[in-house]
Amino acid sequence: MRKSRSFLLYWLPVLVWMVLIFSASGDKASFQRSSRFIVPFLHWLFPGLSDDHAFAVVLAVRKCAHLSEYALLAWLVWRARRKPVPRDTRPWRWSEAGEVLWVAALYAATDEFHQTFIPNREGCLRDVLIDTTGAVAGLLLLWLLGRWRKLW
């Protein structure tokens, strides 16, 4: 019973988040589809905005989404791997962070590979690097939060 509770509490959120990332890799989340909604909204908000600038904003929003979704994935995997408890006094371990980073980077690579089979999508190394950077940023934020909490 204890193992199933631990799985539900720690690993199920990781798996659910991975499924959400995977589902966002489909055709419905392609640049062409998302820009059909965002570009008209941007033109409504900023009537003088050129199409080139609007597409640049869409691209920036999409890349920020990559960063944030993998920062959250790293946080969830770190949490599941570490299983923190209230008033956890265990020190930060960079080896654990490295394991989490590998999981996020490998998942990013498989996600981009999956996109090579989807119409209107492409898998590219640049997105794997952006996703991995998001995971690094998420882990660094966790580390900084831990250091800040020790000061107080």
C-alpha atoms as a PDB file:
ATOM      1  CA  MET A   1       0.000   0.000   0.000  1.00  0.00           C
ATOM      2  CA  ARG A   2       2.817   2.365   0.867  1.00  0.00           C
ATOM      3  CA  LYS A   3       4.519   1.909  -2.531  1.00  0.00           C
ATOM      4  CA  SER A   4       1.306   2.593  -4.431  1.00  0.00           C
ATOM      5  CA  ARG A   5       0.733   5.746  -2.386  1.00  0.00           C
ATOM      6  CA  SER A   6       4.297   6.845  -3.095  1.00  0.00           C
ATOM      7  CA  PHE A   7       3.794   6.179  -6.817  1.00  0.00           C
ATOM      8  CA  LEU A   8       0.535   8.140  -6.880  1.00  0.00           C
ATOM      9  CA  LEU A   9       2.014  11.028  -4.941  1.00  0.00           C
ATOM     10  CA  TYR A  10       5.353  11.348  -6.702  1.00  0.00           C
ATOM     11  CA  TRP A  11       5.555   9.497 -10.027  1.00  0.00           C
ATOM     12  CA  LEU A  12       2.013   9.825 -11.341  1.00  0.00           C
ATOM     13  CA  PRO A  13       2.346  13.627 -11.729  1.00  0.00           C
ATOM     14  CA  VAL A  14       5.549  13.035 -13.735  1.00  0.00           C
ATOM     15  CA  LEU A  15       3.784  10.605 -16.054  1.00  0.00           C
ATOM     16  CA  VAL A  16       0.748  12.860 -16.451  1.00  0.00           C
ATOM     17  CA  TRP A  17       2.993  15.812 -17.329  1.00  0.00           C
ATOM     18  CA  MET A  18       4.898  13.673 -19.842  1.00  0.00           C
ATOM     19  CA  VAL A  19       1.612  12.657 -21.468  1.00  0.00           C
ATOM     20  CA  LEU A  20       0.601  16.318 -21.689  1.00  0.00           C
ATOM     21  CA  ILE A  21       3.920  17.202 -23.336  1.00  0.00           C
ATOM     22  CA  PHE A  22       3.513  14.277 -25.732  1.00  0.00           C
ATOM     23  CA  SER A  23      -0.036  15.313 -26.631  1.00  0.00           C
ATOM     24  CA  ALA A  24       1.138  18.879 -27.291  1.00  0.00           C
ATOM     25  CA  SER A  25       3.554  17.443 -29.849  1.00  0.00           C
ATOM     26  CA  GLY A  26       0.705  16.553 -32.161  1.00  0.00           C
ATOM     27  CA  ASP A  27      -0.490  18.449 -35.185  1.00  0.00           C
ATOM     28  CA  LYS A  28      -3.043  20.456 -33.173  1.00  0.00           C
ATOM     29  CA  ALA A  29      -0.216  22.287 -31.405  1.00  0.00           C
ATOM     30  CA  SER A  30       1.779  23.023 -34.545  1.00  0.00           C
ATOM     31  CA  PHE A  31       3.034  26.513 -35.344  1.00  0.00           C
ATOM     32  CA  GLN A  32       0.538  26.855 -38.176  1.00  0.00           C
ATOM     33  CA  ARG A  33      -2.422  26.060 -35.953  1.00  0.00           C
ATOM     34  CA  SER A  34      -1.406  28.139 -32.949  1.00  0.00           C
ATOM     35  CA  SER A  35      -0.495  31.132 -35.120  1.00  0.00           C
ATOM     36  CA  ARG A  36      -4.000  31.084 -36.656  1.00  0.00           C
ATOM     37  CA  PHE A  37      -5.346  32.139 -33.269  1.00  0.00           C
ATOM     38  CA  ILE A  38      -2.510  34.164 -31.783  1.00  0.00           C
ATOM     39  CA  VAL A  39      -1.708  36.350 -34.815  1.00  0.00           C
ATOM     40  CA  PRO A  40      -5.269  37.734 -35.206  1.00  0.00           C
ATOM     41  CA  PHE A  41      -5.364  38.371 -31.456  1.00  0.00           C
ATOM     42  CA  LEU A  42      -2.050  40.251 -31.659  1.00  0.00           C
ATOM     43  CA  HIS A  43      -3.342  42.304 -34.602  1.00  0.00           C
ATOM     44  CA  TRP A  44      -6.476  43.127 -32.623  1.00  0.00           C
ATOM     45  CA  LEU A  45      -4.365  44.156 -29.621  1.00  0.00           C
ATOM     46  CA  PHE A  46      -1.774  46.033 -31.686  1.00  0.00           C
ATOM     47  CA  PRO A  47      -3.356  47.081 -35.014  1.00  0.00           C
ATOM     48  CA  GLY A  48      -0.097  48.419 -36.438  1.00  0.00           C
ATOM     49  CA  LEU A  49       1.889  45.243 -35.767  1.00  0.00           C
ATOM     50  CA  SER A  50       3.427  43.769 -38.916  1.00  0.00           C
ATOM     51  CA  ASP A  51       2.967  40.107 -39.783  1.00  0.00           C
ATOM     52  CA  ASP A  52       6.700  39.508 -39.348  1.00  0.00           C
ATOM     53  CA  HIS A  53       6.615  40.899 -35.813  1.00  0.00           C
ATOM     54  CA  ALA A  54       3.466  38.948 -34.990  1.00  0.00           C
ATOM     55  CA  PHE A  55       5.079  35.699 -36.133  1.00  0.00           C
ATOM     56  CA  ALA A  56       8.183  36.562 -34.099  1.00  0.00           C
ATOM     57  CA  VAL A  57       5.984  36.972 -31.016  1.00  0.00           C
ATOM     58  CA  VAL A  58       4.306  33.619 -31.715  1.00  0.00           C
ATOM     59  CA  LEU A  59       7.714  31.976 -32.039  1.00  0.00           C
ATOM     60  CA  ALA A  60       8.928  33.556 -28.788  1.00  0.00           C
ATOM     61  CA  VAL A  61       5.782  32.427 -26.946  1.00  0.00           C
ATOM     62  CA  ARG A  62       6.187  28.891 -28.271  1.00  0.00           C
ATOM     63  CA  LYS A  63       9.864  28.715 -27.241  1.00  0.00           C
ATOM     64  CA  CYS A  64       9.031  30.087 -23.775  1.00  0.00           C
ATOM     65  CA  ALA A  65       6.442  27.322 -23.520  1.00  0.00           C
ATOM     66  CA  HIS A  66       9.208  24.797 -24.256  1.00  0.00           C
ATOM     67  CA  LEU A  67      11.348  26.297 -21.493  1.00  0.00           C
ATOM     68  CA  SER A  68       8.591  26.329 -18.912  1.00  0.00           C
ATOM     69  CA  GLU A  69       7.170  22.876 -19.652  1.00  0.00           C
ATOM     70  CA  TYR A  70      10.597  21.272 -19.252  1.00  0.00           C
ATOM     71  CA  ALA A  71      11.411  23.339 -16.160  1.00  0.00           C
ATOM     72  CA  LEU A  72       8.250  21.894 -14.632  1.00  0.00           C
ATOM     73  CA  LEU A  73       9.146  18.394 -15.840  1.00  0.00           C
ATOM     74  CA  ALA A  74      12.568  18.691 -14.168  1.00  0.00           C
ATOM     75  CA  TRP A  75      10.952  19.874 -10.952  1.00  0.00           C
ATOM     76  CA  LEU A  76       8.470  16.970 -10.982  1.00  0.00           C
ATOM     77  CA  VAL A  77      11.171  14.372 -11.685  1.00  0.00           C
ATOM     78  CA  TRP A  78      13.410  15.874  -8.990  1.00  0.00           C
ATOM     79  CA  ARG A  79      10.515  15.742  -6.533  1.00  0.00           C
ATOM     80  CA  ALA A  80       9.707  12.128  -7.424  1.00  0.00           C
ATOM     81  CA  ARG A  81      13.364  11.107  -7.283  1.00  0.00           C
ATOM     82  CA  ARG A  82      13.999  12.783  -3.958  1.00  0.00           C
ATOM     83  CA  LYS A  83      10.612  12.314  -2.255  1.00  0.00           C
ATOM     84  CA  PRO A  84      10.997  15.355   0.010  1.00  0.00           C
ATOM     85  CA  VAL A  85       9.507  15.398   3.480  1.00  0.00           C
ATOM     86  CA  PRO A  86       8.546  18.356   5.680  1.00  0.00           C
ATOM     87  CA  ARG A  87      11.601  20.090   7.088  1.00  0.00           C
ATOM     88  CA  ASP A  88      13.861  18.054   4.814  1.00  0.00           C
ATOM     89  CA  THR A  89      17.458  18.608   5.940  1.00  0.00           C
ATOM     90  CA  ARG A  90      19.133  16.526   3.241  1.00  0.00           C
ATOM     91  CA  PRO A  91      21.642  18.593   1.306  1.00  0.00           C
ATOM     92  CA  TRP A  92      21.293  19.395  -2.374  1.00  0.00           C
ATOM     93  CA  ARG A  93      23.061  16.778  -4.456  1.00  0.00           C
ATOM     94  CA  TRP A  94      24.262  17.750  -7.895  1.00  0.00           C
ATOM     95  CA  SER A  95      24.400  14.071  -8.836  1.00  0.00           C
ATOM     96  CA  GLU A  96      20.624  13.869  -8.327  1.00  0.00           C
ATOM     97  CA  ALA A  97      20.164  17.031 -10.370  1.00  0.00           C
ATOM     98  CA  GLY A  98      22.304  15.480 -13.104  1.00  0.00           C
ATOM     99  CA  GLU A  99      20.092  12.385 -13.192  1.00  0.00           C
ATOM    100  CA  VAL A 100      17.002  14.576 -13.453  1.00  0.00           C
ATOM    101  CA  LEU A 101      18.611  16.568 -16.255  1.00  0.00           C
ATOM    102  CA  TRP A 102      19.344  13.373 -18.185  1.00  0.00           C
ATOM    103  CA  VAL A 103      15.726  12.252 -17.853  1.00  0.00           C
ATOM    104  CA  ALA A 104      14.461  15.616 -19.124  1.00  0.00           C
ATOM    105  CA  ALA A 105      16.982  15.751 -21.988  1.00  0.00           C
ATOM    106  CA  LEU A 106      16.208  12.196 -23.090  1.00  0.00           C
ATOM    107  CA  TYR A 107      12.493  12.877 -22.963  1.00  0.00           C
ATOM    108  CA  ALA A 108      13.000  16.052 -24.999  1.00  0.00           C
ATOM    109  CA  ALA A 109      14.935  14.055 -27.602  1.00  0.00           C
ATOM    110  CA  THR A 110      12.232  11.386 -27.831  1.00  0.00           C
ATOM    111  CA  ASP A 111       9.558  14.071 -28.069  1.00  0.00           C
ATOM    112  CA  GLU A 112      11.347  15.754 -30.967  1.00  0.00           C
ATOM    113  CA  PHE A 113      11.848  12.367 -32.639  1.00  0.00           C
ATOM    114  CA  HIS A 114       8.109  11.747 -32.260  1.00  0.00           C
ATOM    115  CA  GLN A 115       7.430  15.068 -34.003  1.00  0.00           C
ATOM    116  CA  THR A 116       9.279  13.890 -37.119  1.00  0.00           C
ATOM    117  CA  PHE A 117       6.321  11.576 -37.767  1.00  0.00           C
ATOM    118  CA  ILE A 118       3.658  14.274 -37.349  1.00  0.00           C
ATOM    119  CA  PRO A 119       2.412  16.320 -40.337  1.00  0.00           C
ATOM    120  CA  ASN A 120       3.113  20.065 -39.961  1.00  0.00           C
ATOM    121  CA  ARG A 121       5.710  19.339 -37.263  1.00  0.00           C
ATOM    122  CA  GLU A 122       9.422  18.865 -37.350  1.00  0.00           C
ATOM    123  CA  GLY A 123      11.806  17.476 -34.828  1.00  0.00           C
ATOM    124  CA  CYS A 124      14.884  19.604 -34.372  1.00  0.00           C
ATOM    125  CA  LEU A 125      17.955  19.597 -32.202  1.00  0.00           C
ATOM    126  CA  ARG A 126      17.430  23.281 -31.373  1.00  0.00           C
ATOM    127  CA  ASP A 127      14.207  22.427 -29.528  1.00  0.00           C
ATOM    128  CA  VAL A 128      15.951  19.623 -27.599  1.00  0.00           C
ATOM    129  CA  LEU A 129      18.506  22.219 -26.488  1.00  0.00           C
ATOM    130  CA  ILE A 130      15.764  24.701 -25.560  1.00  0.00           C
ATOM    131  CA  ASP A 131      13.915  22.003 -23.598  1.00  0.00           C
ATOM    132  CA  THR A 132      17.110  20.949 -21.817  1.00  0.00           C
ATOM    133  CA  THR A 133      17.849  24.588 -21.023  1.00  0.00           C
ATOM    134  CA  GLY A 134      14.386  24.807 -19.473  1.00  0.00           C
ATOM    135  CA  ALA A 135      15.183  21.770 -17.322  1.00  0.00           C
ATOM    136  CA  VAL A 136      18.482  23.365 -16.246  1.00  0.00           C
ATOM    137  CA  ALA A 137      16.654  26.593 -15.388  1.00  0.00           C
ATOM    138  CA  GLY A 138      14.070  24.668 -13.361  1.00  0.00           C
ATOM    139  CA  LEU A 139      16.789  22.847 -11.421  1.00  0.00           C
ATOM    140  CA  LEU A 140      18.714  26.066 -10.788  1.00  0.00           C
ATOM    141  CA  LEU A 141      15.538  27.695  -9.482  1.00  0.00           C
ATOM    142  CA  LEU A 142      15.052  24.736  -7.133  1.00  0.00           C
ATOM    143  CA  TRP A 143      18.630  25.046  -5.937  1.00  0.00           C
ATOM    144  CA  LEU A 144      18.264  28.796  -5.380  1.00  0.00           C
ATOM    145  CA  LEU A 145      14.986  28.289  -3.545  1.00  0.00           C
ATOM    146  CA  GLY A 146      16.665  25.756  -1.270  1.00  0.00           C
ATOM    147  CA  ARG A 147      19.539  28.146  -0.549  1.00  0.00           C
ATOM    148  CA  TRP A 148      17.123  31.000   0.121  1.00  0.00           C
ATOM    149  CA  ARG A 149      15.065  28.854   2.516  1.00  0.00           C
ATOM    150  CA  LYS A 150      18.198  27.976   4.501  1.00  0.00           C
ATOM    151  CA  LEU A 151      18.882  31.657   5.048  1.00  0.00           C
ATOM    152  CA  TRP A 152      15.504  32.141   6.665  1.00  0.00           C
END
